All heavy atoms as atom14 arrays in JSON, in Angstrom:
{
  "sequence": "SVAQVGLGLGIGGLVGLLSGIPVGRLADRRGPREVYRLTLIVQ",
  "atom14_mask": [
    [1, 1, 1, 1, 1, 1, 0, 0, 0, 0, 0, 0, 0, 0],
    [1, 1, 1, 1, 1, 1, 1, 0, 0, 0, 0, 0, 0, 0],
    [1, 1, 1, 1, 1, 0, 0, 0, 0, 0, 0, 0, 0, 0],
    [1, 1, 1, 1, 1, 1, 1, 1, 1, 0, 0, 0, 0, 0],
    [1, 1, 1, 1, 1, 1, 1, 0, 0, 0, 0, 0, 0, 0],
    [1, 1, 1, 1, 0, 0, 0, 0, 0, 0, 0, 0, 0, 0],
    [1, 1, 1, 1, 1, 1, 1, 1, 0, 0, 0, 0, 0, 0],
    [1, 1, 1, 1, 0, 0, 0, 0, 0, 0, 0, 0, 0, 0],
    [1, 1, 1, 1, 1, 1, 1, 1, 0, 0, 0, 0, 0, 0],
    [1, 1, 1, 1, 0, 0, 0, 0, 0, 0, 0, 0, 0, 0],
    [1, 1, 1, 1, 1, 1, 1, 1, 0, 0, 0, 0, 0, 0],
    [1, 1, 1, 1, 0, 0, 0, 0, 0, 0, 0, 0, 0, 0],
    [1, 1, 1, 1, 0, 0, 0, 0, 0, 0, 0, 0, 0, 0],
    [1, 1, 1, 1, 1, 1, 1, 1, 0, 0, 0, 0, 0, 0],
    [1, 1, 1, 1, 1, 1, 1, 0, 0, 0, 0, 0, 0, 0],
    [1, 1, 1, 1, 0, 0, 0, 0, 0, 0, 0, 0, 0, 0],
    [1, 1, 1, 1, 1, 1, 1, 1, 0, 0, 0, 0, 0, 0],
    [1, 1, 1, 1, 1, 1, 1, 1, 0, 0, 0, 0, 0, 0],
    [1, 1, 1, 1, 1, 1, 0, 0, 0, 0, 0, 0, 0, 0],
    [1, 1, 1, 1, 0, 0, 0, 0, 0, 0, 0, 0, 0, 0],
    [1, 1, 1, 1, 1, 1, 1, 1, 0, 0, 0, 0, 0, 0],
    [1, 1, 1, 1, 1, 1, 1, 0, 0, 0, 0, 0, 0, 0],
    [1, 1, 1, 1, 1, 1, 1, 0, 0, 0, 0, 0, 0, 0],
    [1, 1, 1, 1, 0, 0, 0, 0, 0, 0, 0, 0, 0, 0],
    [1, 1, 1, 1, 1, 1, 1, 1, 1, 1, 1, 0, 0, 0],
    [1, 1, 1, 1, 1, 1, 1, 1, 0, 0, 0, 0, 0, 0],
    [1, 1, 1, 1, 1, 0, 0, 0, 0, 0, 0, 0, 0, 0],
    [1, 1, 1, 1, 1, 1, 1, 1, 0, 0, 0, 0, 0, 0],
    [1, 1, 1, 1, 1, 1, 1, 1, 1, 1, 1, 0, 0, 0],
    [1, 1, 1, 1, 1, 1, 1, 1, 1, 1, 1, 0, 0, 0],
    [1, 1, 1, 1, 0, 0, 0, 0, 0, 0, 0, 0, 0, 0],
    [1, 1, 1, 1, 1, 1, 1, 0, 0, 0, 0, 0, 0, 0],
    [1, 1, 1, 1, 1, 1, 1, 1, 1, 1, 1, 0, 0, 0],
    [1, 1, 1, 1, 1, 1, 1, 1, 1, 0, 0, 0, 0, 0],
    [1, 1, 1, 1, 1, 1, 1, 0, 0, 0, 0, 0, 0, 0],
    [1, 1, 1, 1, 1, 1, 1, 1, 1, 1, 1, 1, 0, 0],
    [1, 1, 1, 1, 1, 1, 1, 1, 1, 1, 1, 0, 0, 0],
    [1, 1, 1, 1, 1, 1, 1, 1, 0, 0, 0, 0, 0, 0],
    [1, 1, 1, 1, 1, 1, 1, 0, 0, 0, 0, 0, 0, 0],
    [1, 1, 1, 1, 1, 1, 1, 1, 0, 0, 0, 0, 0, 0],
    [1, 1, 1, 1, 1, 1, 1, 1, 0, 0, 0, 0, 0, 0],
    [1, 1, 1, 1, 1, 1, 1, 0, 0, 0, 0, 0, 0, 0],
    [1, 1, 1, 1, 1, 1, 1, 1, 1, 0, 0, 0, 0, 0]
  ],
  "atom14_positions": [
    [[112.98, 122.94, 90.02], [113.62, 123.26, 91.3], [112.85, 122.57, 92.44], [111.71, 122.14, 92.27], [113.63, 124.77, 91.52], [112.3, 125.26, 91.72], [0.0, 0.0, 0.0], [0.0, 0.0, 0.0], [0.0, 0.0, 0.0], [0.0, 0.0, 0.0], [0.0, 0.0, 0.0], [0.0, 0.0, 0.0], [0.0, 0.0, 0.0], [0.0, 0.0, 0.0]],
    [[113.5, 122.5, 93.59], [112.85, 121.89, 94.75], [111.6, 122.67, 95.13], [110.56, 122.08, 95.47], [113.83, 121.83, 95.94], [113.13, 121.34, 97.2], [115.01, 120.92, 95.61], [0.0, 0.0, 0.0], [0.0, 0.0, 0.0], [0.0, 0.0, 0.0], [0.0, 0.0, 0.0], [0.0, 0.0, 0.0], [0.0, 0.0, 0.0], [0.0, 0.0, 0.0]],
    [[111.66, 124.01, 95.05], [110.49, 124.83, 95.39], [109.35, 124.56, 94.42], [108.18, 124.47, 94.82], [110.87, 126.31, 95.35], [0.0, 0.0, 0.0], [0.0, 0.0, 0.0], [0.0, 0.0, 0.0], [0.0, 0.0, 0.0], [0.0, 0.0, 0.0], [0.0, 0.0, 0.0], [0.0, 0.0, 0.0], [0.0, 0.0, 0.0], [0.0, 0.0, 0.0]],
    [[109.65, 124.42, 93.13], [108.6, 124.13, 92.15], [107.98, 122.76, 92.39], [106.75, 122.6, 92.28], [109.19, 124.19, 90.74], [109.48, 125.59, 90.23], [110.15, 125.57, 88.87], [111.01, 124.74, 88.58], [109.76, 126.52, 88.02], [0.0, 0.0, 0.0], [0.0, 0.0, 0.0], [0.0, 0.0, 0.0], [0.0, 0.0, 0.0], [0.0, 0.0, 0.0]],
    [[108.8, 121.79, 92.73], [108.28, 120.45, 93.01], [107.35, 120.48, 94.22], [106.25, 119.91, 94.2], [109.43, 119.46, 93.24], [108.9, 118.11, 93.74], [110.21, 119.26, 91.96], [0.0, 0.0, 0.0], [0.0, 0.0, 0.0], [0.0, 0.0, 0.0], [0.0, 0.0, 0.0], [0.0, 0.0, 0.0], [0.0, 0.0, 0.0], [0.0, 0.0, 0.0]],
    [[107.77, 121.16, 95.28], [106.94, 121.24, 96.47], [105.61, 121.92, 96.2], [104.55, 121.47, 96.64], [0.0, 0.0, 0.0], [0.0, 0.0, 0.0], [0.0, 0.0, 0.0], [0.0, 0.0, 0.0], [0.0, 0.0, 0.0], [0.0, 0.0, 0.0], [0.0, 0.0, 0.0], [0.0, 0.0, 0.0], [0.0, 0.0, 0.0], [0.0, 0.0, 0.0]],
    [[105.66, 123.03, 95.45], [104.43, 123.75, 95.13], [103.51, 122.92, 94.24], [102.3, 122.83, 94.48], [104.78, 125.07, 94.43], [103.59, 125.94, 93.98], [102.73, 126.33, 95.16], [104.09, 127.18, 93.23], [0.0, 0.0, 0.0], [0.0, 0.0, 0.0], [0.0, 0.0, 0.0], [0.0, 0.0, 0.0], [0.0, 0.0, 0.0], [0.0, 0.0, 0.0]],
    [[104.08, 122.28, 93.23], [103.26, 121.46, 92.33], [102.62, 120.28, 93.03], [101.44, 119.98, 92.8], [0.0, 0.0, 0.0], [0.0, 0.0, 0.0], [0.0, 0.0, 0.0], [0.0, 0.0, 0.0], [0.0, 0.0, 0.0], [0.0, 0.0, 0.0], [0.0, 0.0, 0.0], [0.0, 0.0, 0.0], [0.0, 0.0, 0.0], [0.0, 0.0, 0.0]],
    [[103.37, 119.61, 93.89], [102.81, 118.48, 94.62], [101.72, 118.94, 95.59], [100.72, 118.24, 95.8], [103.91, 117.75, 95.38], [104.95, 117.01, 94.52], [106.01, 116.37, 95.39], [104.27, 115.95, 93.64], [0.0, 0.0, 0.0], [0.0, 0.0, 0.0], [0.0, 0.0, 0.0], [0.0, 0.0, 0.0], [0.0, 0.0, 0.0], [0.0, 0.0, 0.0]],
    [[101.91, 120.12, 96.19], [100.88, 120.65, 97.08], [99.59, 120.96, 96.35], [98.49, 120.62, 96.81], [0.0, 0.0, 0.0], [0.0, 0.0, 0.0], [0.0, 0.0, 0.0], [0.0, 0.0, 0.0], [0.0, 0.0, 0.0], [0.0, 0.0, 0.0], [0.0, 0.0, 0.0], [0.0, 0.0, 0.0], [0.0, 0.0, 0.0], [0.0, 0.0, 0.0]],
    [[99.71, 121.59, 95.18], [98.52, 121.88, 94.36], [97.84, 120.58, 93.93], [96.61, 120.44, 94.02], [98.91, 122.72, 93.13], [99.41, 124.1, 93.55], [97.72, 122.86, 92.18], [99.98, 124.92, 92.41], [0.0, 0.0, 0.0], [0.0, 0.0, 0.0], [0.0, 0.0, 0.0], [0.0, 0.0, 0.0], [0.0, 0.0, 0.0], [0.0, 0.0, 0.0]],
    [[98.64, 119.62, 93.48], [98.07, 118.35, 93.06], [97.37, 117.62, 94.19], [96.3, 117.03, 93.99], [0.0, 0.0, 0.0], [0.0, 0.0, 0.0], [0.0, 0.0, 0.0], [0.0, 0.0, 0.0], [0.0, 0.0, 0.0], [0.0, 0.0, 0.0], [0.0, 0.0, 0.0], [0.0, 0.0, 0.0], [0.0, 0.0, 0.0], [0.0, 0.0, 0.0]],
    [[97.97, 117.66, 95.38], [97.35, 117.01, 96.53], [96.0, 117.6, 96.88], [95.04, 116.88, 97.17], [0.0, 0.0, 0.0], [0.0, 0.0, 0.0], [0.0, 0.0, 0.0], [0.0, 0.0, 0.0], [0.0, 0.0, 0.0], [0.0, 0.0, 0.0], [0.0, 0.0, 0.0], [0.0, 0.0, 0.0], [0.0, 0.0, 0.0], [0.0, 0.0, 0.0]],
    [[95.91, 118.93, 96.83], [94.64, 119.6, 97.13], [93.59, 119.3, 96.06], [92.42, 119.01, 96.38], [94.85, 121.11, 97.25], [95.6, 121.59, 98.5], [95.88, 123.07, 98.41], [94.8, 121.28, 99.76], [0.0, 0.0, 0.0], [0.0, 0.0, 0.0], [0.0, 0.0, 0.0], [0.0, 0.0, 0.0], [0.0, 0.0, 0.0], [0.0, 0.0, 0.0]],
    [[93.98, 119.34, 94.8], [93.03, 119.06, 93.71], [92.56, 117.61, 93.78], [91.38, 117.3, 93.54], [93.68, 119.37, 92.34], [92.79, 118.87, 91.2], [93.92, 120.86, 92.2], [0.0, 0.0, 0.0], [0.0, 0.0, 0.0], [0.0, 0.0, 0.0], [0.0, 0.0, 0.0], [0.0, 0.0, 0.0], [0.0, 0.0, 0.0], [0.0, 0.0, 0.0]],
    [[93.47, 116.71, 94.13], [93.11, 115.3, 94.18], [92.03, 114.97, 95.18], [91.29, 114.0, 95.01], [0.0, 0.0, 0.0], [0.0, 0.0, 0.0], [0.0, 0.0, 0.0], [0.0, 0.0, 0.0], [0.0, 0.0, 0.0], [0.0, 0.0, 0.0], [0.0, 0.0, 0.0], [0.0, 0.0, 0.0], [0.0, 0.0, 0.0], [0.0, 0.0, 0.0]],
    [[91.88, 115.81, 96.2], [90.86, 115.57, 97.22], [89.44, 115.68, 96.65], [88.49, 115.19, 97.25], [91.02, 116.57, 98.37], [92.33, 116.49, 99.16], [92.38, 117.6, 100.2], [92.47, 115.13, 99.82], [0.0, 0.0, 0.0], [0.0, 0.0, 0.0], [0.0, 0.0, 0.0], [0.0, 0.0, 0.0], [0.0, 0.0, 0.0], [0.0, 0.0, 0.0]],
    [[89.29, 116.33, 95.49], [87.96, 116.61, 94.95], [87.28, 115.38, 94.37], [86.05, 115.37, 94.21], [88.05, 117.69, 93.87], [88.66, 119.04, 94.29], [88.77, 119.95, 93.09], [87.81, 119.68, 95.38], [0.0, 0.0, 0.0], [0.0, 0.0, 0.0], [0.0, 0.0, 0.0], [0.0, 0.0, 0.0], [0.0, 0.0, 0.0], [0.0, 0.0, 0.0]],
    [[88.03, 114.35, 94.02], [87.43, 113.24, 93.27], [86.94, 112.09, 94.13], [86.11, 111.3, 93.67], [88.46, 112.7, 92.25], [89.54, 112.1, 92.93], [0.0, 0.0, 0.0], [0.0, 0.0, 0.0], [0.0, 0.0, 0.0], [0.0, 0.0, 0.0], [0.0, 0.0, 0.0], [0.0, 0.0, 0.0], [0.0, 0.0, 0.0], [0.0, 0.0, 0.0]],
    [[87.43, 111.96, 95.34], [87.14, 110.77, 96.13], [85.66, 110.55, 96.4], [85.12, 109.46, 96.17], [0.0, 0.0, 0.0], [0.0, 0.0, 0.0], [0.0, 0.0, 0.0], [0.0, 0.0, 0.0], [0.0, 0.0, 0.0], [0.0, 0.0, 0.0], [0.0, 0.0, 0.0], [0.0, 0.0, 0.0], [0.0, 0.0, 0.0], [0.0, 0.0, 0.0]],
    [[84.96, 111.59, 96.88], [83.57, 111.42, 97.29], [82.65, 111.13, 96.1], [81.87, 110.17, 96.13], [83.1, 112.64, 98.09], [83.96, 112.79, 99.36], [81.63, 112.52, 98.47], [83.68, 114.06, 100.14], [0.0, 0.0, 0.0], [0.0, 0.0, 0.0], [0.0, 0.0, 0.0], [0.0, 0.0, 0.0], [0.0, 0.0, 0.0], [0.0, 0.0, 0.0]],
    [[82.68, 111.94, 95.02], [81.79, 111.62, 93.89], [82.09, 110.29, 93.23], [81.18, 109.56, 92.83], [81.99, 112.79, 92.93], [83.27, 113.43, 93.33], [83.4, 113.2, 94.79], [0.0, 0.0, 0.0], [0.0, 0.0, 0.0], [0.0, 0.0, 0.0], [0.0, 0.0, 0.0], [0.0, 0.0, 0.0], [0.0, 0.0, 0.0], [0.0, 0.0, 0.0]],
    [[83.38, 109.93, 93.09], [83.72, 108.65, 92.48], [83.33, 107.5, 93.4], [82.88, 106.44, 92.95], [85.21, 108.59, 92.12], [85.61, 107.19, 91.64], [85.53, 109.6, 91.03], [0.0, 0.0, 0.0], [0.0, 0.0, 0.0], [0.0, 0.0, 0.0], [0.0, 0.0, 0.0], [0.0, 0.0, 0.0], [0.0, 0.0, 0.0], [0.0, 0.0, 0.0]],
    [[83.47, 107.7, 94.71], [83.02, 106.68, 95.66], [81.52, 106.42, 95.54], [81.06, 105.28, 95.56], [0.0, 0.0, 0.0], [0.0, 0.0, 0.0], [0.0, 0.0, 0.0], [0.0, 0.0, 0.0], [0.0, 0.0, 0.0], [0.0, 0.0, 0.0], [0.0, 0.0, 0.0], [0.0, 0.0, 0.0], [0.0, 0.0, 0.0], [0.0, 0.0, 0.0]],
    [[80.75, 107.5, 95.39], [79.31, 107.33, 95.21], [79.01, 106.62, 93.89], [78.1, 105.77, 93.81], [78.61, 108.69, 95.23], [77.09, 108.57, 95.19], [76.4, 109.92, 95.3], [74.96, 109.73, 95.34], [74.2, 109.54, 94.27], [74.75, 109.54, 93.07], [72.89, 109.35, 94.39], [0.0, 0.0, 0.0], [0.0, 0.0, 0.0], [0.0, 0.0, 0.0]],
    [[79.78, 106.93, 92.85], [79.61, 106.24, 91.57], [79.88, 104.74, 91.72], [79.17, 103.91, 91.13], [80.54, 106.85, 90.53], [80.45, 106.29, 89.11], [79.09, 106.59, 88.5], [81.57, 106.87, 88.24], [0.0, 0.0, 0.0], [0.0, 0.0, 0.0], [0.0, 0.0, 0.0], [0.0, 0.0, 0.0], [0.0, 0.0, 0.0], [0.0, 0.0, 0.0]],
    [[80.88, 104.39, 92.51], [81.18, 102.98, 92.75], [80.04, 102.29, 93.49], [79.75, 101.11, 93.22], [82.49, 102.85, 93.55], [0.0, 0.0, 0.0], [0.0, 0.0, 0.0], [0.0, 0.0, 0.0], [0.0, 0.0, 0.0], [0.0, 0.0, 0.0], [0.0, 0.0, 0.0], [0.0, 0.0, 0.0], [0.0, 0.0, 0.0], [0.0, 0.0, 0.0]],
    [[79.41, 102.99, 94.41], [78.26, 102.42, 95.12], [77.11, 102.12, 94.17], [76.39, 101.13, 94.33], [77.76, 103.39, 96.2], [78.75, 103.54, 97.34], [79.43, 102.56, 97.66], [78.83, 104.65, 97.92], [0.0, 0.0, 0.0], [0.0, 0.0, 0.0], [0.0, 0.0, 0.0], [0.0, 0.0, 0.0], [0.0, 0.0, 0.0], [0.0, 0.0, 0.0]],
    [[76.92, 102.96, 93.18], [75.75, 102.84, 92.31], [76.04, 102.03, 91.04], [75.11, 101.46, 90.45], [75.24, 104.23, 91.91], [74.9, 105.1, 93.11], [73.51, 104.85, 93.68], [73.17, 103.48, 93.99], [73.44, 102.88, 95.15], [74.07, 103.52, 96.1], [73.07, 101.63, 95.36], [0.0, 0.0, 0.0], [0.0, 0.0, 0.0], [0.0, 0.0, 0.0]],
    [[77.29, 101.97, 90.58], [77.61, 101.28, 89.33], [78.42, 100.0, 89.53], [78.65, 99.27, 88.57], [78.39, 102.21, 88.39], [77.66, 103.49, 88.03], [76.38, 103.2, 87.31], [75.69, 104.42, 86.91], [74.45, 104.46, 86.45], [73.76, 103.35, 86.34], [73.9, 105.61, 86.12], [0.0, 0.0, 0.0], [0.0, 0.0, 0.0], [0.0, 0.0, 0.0]],
    [[78.86, 99.75, 90.74], [79.66, 98.57, 91.0], [81.12, 98.94, 91.24], [81.74, 99.58, 90.37], [0.0, 0.0, 0.0], [0.0, 0.0, 0.0], [0.0, 0.0, 0.0], [0.0, 0.0, 0.0], [0.0, 0.0, 0.0], [0.0, 0.0, 0.0], [0.0, 0.0, 0.0], [0.0, 0.0, 0.0], [0.0, 0.0, 0.0], [0.0, 0.0, 0.0]],
    [[81.7, 98.57, 92.38], [83.06, 99.0, 92.72], [84.14, 98.4, 91.82], [85.13, 99.06, 91.52], [83.23, 98.55, 94.17], [82.23, 97.47, 94.35], [81.08, 97.81, 93.47], [0.0, 0.0, 0.0], [0.0, 0.0, 0.0], [0.0, 0.0, 0.0], [0.0, 0.0, 0.0], [0.0, 0.0, 0.0], [0.0, 0.0, 0.0], [0.0, 0.0, 0.0]],
    [[83.97, 97.15, 91.39], [85.01, 96.55, 90.55], [85.18, 97.32, 89.25], [86.31, 97.63, 88.83], [84.67, 95.09, 90.24], [85.8, 94.37, 89.49], [85.32, 93.1, 88.83], [84.38, 93.37, 87.74], [83.89, 92.44, 86.92], [84.23, 91.17, 87.1], [83.05, 92.76, 85.96], [0.0, 0.0, 0.0], [0.0, 0.0, 0.0], [0.0, 0.0, 0.0]],
    [[84.07, 97.65, 88.61], [84.12, 98.32, 87.32], [84.72, 99.72, 87.45], [85.55, 100.14, 86.64], [82.71, 98.39, 86.73], [82.14, 97.04, 86.29], [81.7, 96.16, 87.44], [81.58, 96.68, 88.57], [81.47, 94.96, 87.22], [0.0, 0.0, 0.0], [0.0, 0.0, 0.0], [0.0, 0.0, 0.0], [0.0, 0.0, 0.0], [0.0, 0.0, 0.0]],
    [[84.3, 100.45, 88.48], [84.8, 101.82, 88.66], [86.27, 101.79, 89.07], [87.08, 102.6, 88.6], [83.94, 102.57, 89.69], [84.52, 103.96, 89.97], [82.5, 102.69, 89.19], [0.0, 0.0, 0.0], [0.0, 0.0, 0.0], [0.0, 0.0, 0.0], [0.0, 0.0, 0.0], [0.0, 0.0, 0.0], [0.0, 0.0, 0.0], [0.0, 0.0, 0.0]],
    [[86.64, 100.86, 89.94], [88.04, 100.75, 90.38], [88.95, 100.44, 89.19], [90.03, 101.02, 89.03], [88.15, 99.66, 91.44], [89.54, 99.47, 92.01], [90.35, 100.56, 92.33], [90.04, 98.2, 92.23], [91.62, 100.38, 92.85], [91.31, 98.01, 92.75], [92.09, 99.09, 93.06], [93.35, 98.91, 93.58], [0.0, 0.0, 0.0], [0.0, 0.0, 0.0]],
    [[88.51, 99.53, 88.34], [89.31, 99.18, 87.16], [89.49, 100.4, 86.25], [90.58, 100.63, 85.72], [88.62, 98.04, 86.42], [89.38, 97.52, 85.21], [88.69, 96.28, 84.66], [87.27, 96.55, 84.38], [86.39, 95.59, 84.15], [86.75, 94.32, 84.18], [85.12, 95.91, 83.9], [0.0, 0.0, 0.0], [0.0, 0.0, 0.0], [0.0, 0.0, 0.0]],
    [[88.44, 101.17, 86.08], [88.53, 102.37, 85.25], [89.51, 103.38, 85.83], [90.32, 103.98, 85.1], [87.14, 102.99, 85.09], [87.07, 104.3, 84.28], [87.56, 104.08, 82.86], [85.65, 104.85, 84.3], [0.0, 0.0, 0.0], [0.0, 0.0, 0.0], [0.0, 0.0, 0.0], [0.0, 0.0, 0.0], [0.0, 0.0, 0.0], [0.0, 0.0, 0.0]],
    [[89.48, 103.57, 87.14], [90.41, 104.53, 87.76], [91.86, 104.07, 87.61], [92.76, 104.91, 87.46], [90.09, 104.73, 89.25], [90.25, 103.49, 89.96], [88.67, 105.24, 89.45], [0.0, 0.0, 0.0], [0.0, 0.0, 0.0], [0.0, 0.0, 0.0], [0.0, 0.0, 0.0], [0.0, 0.0, 0.0], [0.0, 0.0, 0.0], [0.0, 0.0, 0.0]],
    [[92.09, 102.78, 87.62], [93.45, 102.27, 87.43], [93.95, 102.57, 86.02], [95.13, 102.92, 85.83], [93.49, 100.76, 87.7], [93.33, 100.35, 89.17], [93.08, 98.85, 89.27], [94.56, 100.73, 89.99], [0.0, 0.0, 0.0], [0.0, 0.0, 0.0], [0.0, 0.0, 0.0], [0.0, 0.0, 0.0], [0.0, 0.0, 0.0], [0.0, 0.0, 0.0]],
    [[93.08, 102.43, 85.04], [93.47, 102.75, 83.66], [93.79, 104.25, 83.54], [94.76, 104.64, 82.88], [92.36, 102.35, 82.68], [92.13, 100.83, 82.73], [92.7, 102.79, 81.28], [93.35, 100.02, 82.37], [0.0, 0.0, 0.0], [0.0, 0.0, 0.0], [0.0, 0.0, 0.0], [0.0, 0.0, 0.0], [0.0, 0.0, 0.0], [0.0, 0.0, 0.0]],
    [[92.98, 105.08, 84.19], [93.25, 106.52, 84.16], [94.58, 106.82, 84.85], [95.37, 107.66, 84.39], [92.1, 107.3, 84.82], [92.43, 108.78, 84.91], [90.8, 107.09, 84.04], [0.0, 0.0, 0.0], [0.0, 0.0, 0.0], [0.0, 0.0, 0.0], [0.0, 0.0, 0.0], [0.0, 0.0, 0.0], [0.0, 0.0, 0.0], [0.0, 0.0, 0.0]],
    [[94.86, 106.15, 85.97], [96.14, 106.33, 86.65], [97.3, 105.95, 85.74], [98.33, 106.62, 85.7], [96.19, 105.48, 87.92], [95.48, 106.1, 89.12], [95.68, 105.27, 90.37], [95.11, 104.21, 90.53], [96.52, 105.77, 91.26], [0.0, 0.0, 0.0], [0.0, 0.0, 0.0], [0.0, 0.0, 0.0], [0.0, 0.0, 0.0], [0.0, 0.0, 0.0]]
  ]
}
């Protein structure tokens, strides 16, 4: 339903905020190309 889609996307959006900072720091320390490529495969 439209309500389920809105709720699910809202939950996903909030959860997605948790990964940016730690993965960004990992890219600083391990190399951005390698980490970026890995995130694309996960996507």
